Every structure is written in C-alpha cells, then in structure tokens.
C-alpha cells in the first residue's frame, strides 16, 4: 500500500506498508513528515495497530520531521497495547530530534537489514 499525503509539498510524504517474514508490519516513510502529512501517518499506524500488528517504523527515507510528525509517532507508541519498534537506520536530523525530544526510550530499536 502506498500513500502520497501531501501533493503540494516539494517533497511529499510517501508511506508504504508490507508484512515482513517475522510477521511484523513494516511502515516505511519517505519525504517530509510535517503538519500536512502527519495525519496520513497517524491513520496508517492506527489502522496497523488496531489489527493487533507489531509495527516496525522505518524513517530512513524521511528528509524532514517537525513536531507534528513527532507527535504522530509518540501517540502511536503510547496507544494501549501498541507494539511499535523503530528501525535504527535514519538520517542524523531525524535521530537528533528523537533524542532531544525523549522519544527514543519509548521505541525499541531494530538494527540491521529490514527483511
């Protein structure tokens, strides 16, 4: 499944989902995760988590993230019964924002290749 949430942006968000060999649902993002695109991420994560899925969030393709994008991730991680993990591969700006905001302790990291 692919979503293009922000057709007016220079770098719109792309969201793809697929099932991994481990049974987890991979949610991969590319582009800008901001106020105009964070709703699409929230909807995707809510749909995946409401089905009882364990979700691996891949932010490696995110070129920009703001507080709205950060809130979408936090809200999903804090949802009752949510099982959200974070791929350890990401751009330095994204990782730094997650570190400074205190989000990293909420999300377990998964190292290595996503399969």
C-alpha atoms as a PDB file:
ATOM      1  CA  UNK A   1       0.000   0.000   0.000  1.00  0.00           C
ATOM      2  CA  UNK A   2       1.286   3.495  -0.831  1.00  0.00           C
ATOM      3  CA  UNK A   3       0.030   6.887   0.252  1.00  0.00           C
ATOM      4  CA  UNK A   4       1.033  10.281  -1.068  1.00  0.00           C
ATOM      5  CA  UNK A   5      -0.266  12.555   1.676  1.00  0.00           C
ATOM      6  CA  UNK A   6       0.904  15.960   0.549  1.00  0.00           C
ATOM      7  CA  UNK A   7       0.811  16.677  -3.146  1.00  0.00           C
ATOM      8  CA  UNK A   8       1.551  20.410  -2.696  1.00  0.00           C
ATOM      9  CA  UNK A   9       4.884  19.970  -0.908  1.00  0.00           C
ATOM     10  CA  UNK A  10       8.253  19.905  -2.650  1.00  0.00           C
ATOM     11  CA  UNK A  11       8.993  16.566  -1.004  1.00  0.00           C
ATOM     12  CA  UNK A  12       5.654  14.880  -0.189  1.00  0.00           C
ATOM     13  CA  UNK A  13       5.455  12.036   2.293  1.00  0.00           C
ATOM     14  CA  UNK A  14       5.313   8.545   0.914  1.00  0.00           C
ATOM     15  CA  UNK A  15       4.032   5.753   3.132  1.00  0.00           C
ATOM     16  CA  UNK A  16       4.311   2.103   2.205  1.00  0.00           C
ATOM     17  CA  UNK A  17       3.349  -0.920   4.257  1.00  0.00           C
ATOM     18  CA  UNK A  18       4.149  -4.594   3.914  1.00  0.00           C
ATOM     19  CA  UNK A  19       4.391  -7.715   6.030  1.00  0.00           C
ATOM     20  CA  UNK A  20       7.878  -8.907   6.944  1.00  0.00           C
ATOM     21  CA  UNK A  21       8.982 -12.533   7.269  1.00  0.00           C
ATOM     22  CA  UNK A  22       8.843 -12.038  11.045  1.00  0.00           C
ATOM     23  CA  UNK A  23       5.131 -11.224  10.798  1.00  0.00           C
ATOM     24  CA  UNK A  24       5.667  -7.587  11.745  1.00  0.00           C
ATOM     25  CA  UNK A  25       4.133  -4.875   9.599  1.00  0.00           C
ATOM     26  CA  UNK A  26       6.764  -2.574   8.110  1.00  0.00           C
ATOM     27  CA  UNK A  27       5.661   1.052   7.736  1.00  0.00           C
ATOM     28  CA  UNK A  28       8.240   2.904   5.611  1.00  0.00           C
ATOM     29  CA  UNK A  29       8.232   6.670   5.189  1.00  0.00           C
ATOM     30  CA  UNK A  30       9.936   8.857   2.630  1.00  0.00           C
ATOM     31  CA  UNK A  31       9.881  12.632   2.256  1.00  0.00           C
ATOM     32  CA  UNK A  32       8.755  15.282   4.732  1.00  0.00           C
ATOM     33  CA  UNK A  33       6.872  14.279   7.870  1.00  0.00           C
ATOM     34  CA  UNK A  34       5.246  17.516   8.948  1.00  0.00           C
ATOM     35  CA  UNK A  35       1.923  19.123   9.853  1.00  0.00           C
ATOM     36  CA  UNK A  36       0.411  18.457   6.438  1.00  0.00           C
ATOM     37  CA  UNK A  37       1.475  14.811   6.261  1.00  0.00           C
ATOM     38  CA  UNK A  38       1.416  13.624   9.874  1.00  0.00           C
ATOM     39  CA  UNK A  39      -2.300  12.800   9.683  1.00  0.00           C
ATOM     40  CA  UNK A  40      -1.638  10.199   6.999  1.00  0.00           C
ATOM     41  CA  UNK A  41       0.989   8.564   9.227  1.00  0.00           C
ATOM     42  CA  UNK A  42      -1.370   8.611  12.219  1.00  0.00           C
ATOM     43  CA  UNK A  43      -4.114   6.950  10.170  1.00  0.00           C
ATOM     44  CA  UNK A  44      -1.732   4.305   8.851  1.00  0.00           C
ATOM     45  CA  UNK A  45      -0.326   3.488  12.279  1.00  0.00           C
ATOM     46  CA  UNK A  46      -3.794   3.406  13.858  1.00  0.00           C
ATOM     47  CA  UNK A  47      -5.015   1.000  11.174  1.00  0.00           C
ATOM     48  CA  UNK A  48      -1.986  -1.274  11.561  1.00  0.00           C
ATOM     49  CA  UNK A  49      -2.018  -1.254  15.360  1.00  0.00           C
ATOM     50  CA  UNK A  50      -5.776  -1.713  15.673  1.00  0.00           C
ATOM     51  CA  UNK A  51      -5.359  -5.047  13.912  1.00  0.00           C
ATOM     52  CA  UNK A  52      -3.047  -6.189  16.706  1.00  0.00           C
ATOM     53  CA  UNK A  53       0.003  -5.954  14.466  1.00  0.00           C
ATOM     54  CA  UNK A  54       3.532  -5.392  15.691  1.00  0.00           C
ATOM     55  CA  UNK A  55       4.797  -2.427  13.663  1.00  0.00           C
ATOM     56  CA  UNK A  56       8.342  -1.643  12.575  1.00  0.00           C
ATOM     57  CA  UNK A  57       8.620   2.031  11.637  1.00  0.00           C
ATOM     58  CA  UNK A  58      11.270   2.793   9.013  1.00  0.00           C
ATOM     59  CA  UNK A  59      12.208   6.500   8.979  1.00  0.00           C
ATOM     60  CA  UNK A  60      15.312   6.092   6.803  1.00  0.00           C
ATOM     61  CA  UNK A  61      13.699   7.966   3.898  1.00  0.00           C
ATOM     62  CA  UNK A  62      12.431  10.904   5.970  1.00  0.00           C
ATOM     63  CA  UNK A  63      14.115  14.122   4.806  1.00  0.00           C
ATOM     64  CA  UNK A  64      12.454  16.409   7.377  1.00  0.00           C
ATOM     65  CA  UNK A  65      10.424  15.909  10.531  1.00  0.00           C
ATOM     66  CA  UNK A  66       8.676  18.509  12.680  1.00  0.00           C
ATOM     67  CA  UNK A  67       6.755  18.435  15.954  1.00  0.00           C
ATOM     68  CA  UNK A  68       3.540  17.227  14.278  1.00  0.00           C
ATOM     69  CA  UNK A  69       5.372  14.254  12.786  1.00  0.00           C
ATOM     70  CA  UNK A  70       6.972  13.583  16.126  1.00  0.00           C
ATOM     71  CA  UNK A  71       3.547  13.719  17.832  1.00  0.00           C
ATOM     72  CA  UNK A  72       2.158  11.144  15.386  1.00  0.00           C
ATOM     73  CA  UNK A  73       4.959   8.739  16.317  1.00  0.00           C
ATOM     74  CA  UNK A  74       4.598   9.378  20.072  1.00  0.00           C
ATOM     75  CA  UNK A  75       0.823   8.947  20.016  1.00  0.00           C
ATOM     76  CA  UNK A  76       1.144   5.621  18.211  1.00  0.00           C
ATOM     77  CA  UNK A  77       3.837   4.379  20.601  1.00  0.00           C
ATOM     78  CA  UNK A  78       1.735   5.310  23.639  1.00  0.00           C
ATOM     79  CA  UNK A  79      -1.511   3.746  22.404  1.00  0.00           C
ATOM     80  CA  UNK A  80      -2.764   0.973  24.710  1.00  0.00           C
ATOM     81  CA  UNK A  81      -1.297  -2.355  23.644  1.00  0.00           C
ATOM     82  CA  UNK A  82       0.775  -0.781  20.867  1.00  0.00           C
ATOM     83  CA  UNK A  83       3.848  -2.658  19.728  1.00  0.00           C
ATOM     84  CA  UNK A  84       5.936  -0.154  17.770  1.00  0.00           C
ATOM     85  CA  UNK A  85       9.615  -0.625  17.007  1.00  0.00           C
ATOM     86  CA  UNK A  86      11.933   1.741  15.192  1.00  0.00           C
ATOM     87  CA  UNK A  87      14.442   0.839  12.507  1.00  0.00           C
ATOM     88  CA  UNK A  88      17.841   2.089  13.666  1.00  0.00           C
ATOM     89  CA  UNK A  89      18.717   3.384  10.178  1.00  0.00           C
ATOM     90  CA  UNK A  90      17.717   7.046   9.790  1.00  0.00           C
ATOM     91  CA  UNK A  91      19.093  10.443   8.860  1.00  0.00           C
ATOM     92  CA  UNK A  92      21.017  12.333  11.542  1.00  0.00           C
ATOM     93  CA  UNK A  93      18.415  15.168  11.771  1.00  0.00           C
ATOM     94  CA  UNK A  94      15.649  12.668  12.439  1.00  0.00           C
ATOM     95  CA  UNK A  95      17.663  10.776  15.049  1.00  0.00           C
ATOM     96  CA  UNK A  96      18.718  14.007  16.761  1.00  0.00           C
ATOM     97  CA  UNK A  97      15.095  15.194  17.028  1.00  0.00           C
ATOM     98  CA  UNK A  98      14.064  11.837  18.514  1.00  0.00           C
ATOM     99  CA  UNK A  99      16.953  12.036  21.003  1.00  0.00           C
ATOM    100  CA  UNK A 100      16.249  15.629  22.081  1.00  0.00           C
ATOM    101  CA  UNK A 101      12.528  15.033  22.476  1.00  0.00           C
ATOM    102  CA  UNK A 102      12.978  11.928  24.640  1.00  0.00           C
ATOM    103  CA  UNK A 103      11.159   9.636  22.202  1.00  0.00           C
ATOM    104  CA  UNK A 104      13.912   7.048  21.850  1.00  0.00           C
ATOM    105  CA  UNK A 105      13.177   5.322  25.201  1.00  0.00           C
ATOM    106  CA  UNK A 106       9.566   4.771  24.043  1.00  0.00           C
ATOM    107  CA  UNK A 107      10.559   2.811  20.926  1.00  0.00           C
ATOM    108  CA  UNK A 108      12.824  -0.220  20.815  1.00  0.00           C
ATOM    109  CA  UNK A 109      15.432  -0.089  18.051  1.00  0.00           C
ATOM    110  CA  UNK A 110      15.795  -2.844  15.478  1.00  0.00           C
ATOM    111  CA  UNK A 111      19.295  -2.999  13.979  1.00  0.00           C
ATOM    112  CA  UNK A 112      20.374  -4.424  10.669  1.00  0.00           C
ATOM    113  CA  UNK A 113      18.584  -5.052   7.407  1.00  0.00           C
ATOM    114  CA  UNK A 114      14.822  -4.986   7.320  1.00  0.00           C
ATOM    115  CA  UNK A 115      13.602  -8.219   5.739  1.00  0.00           C
END
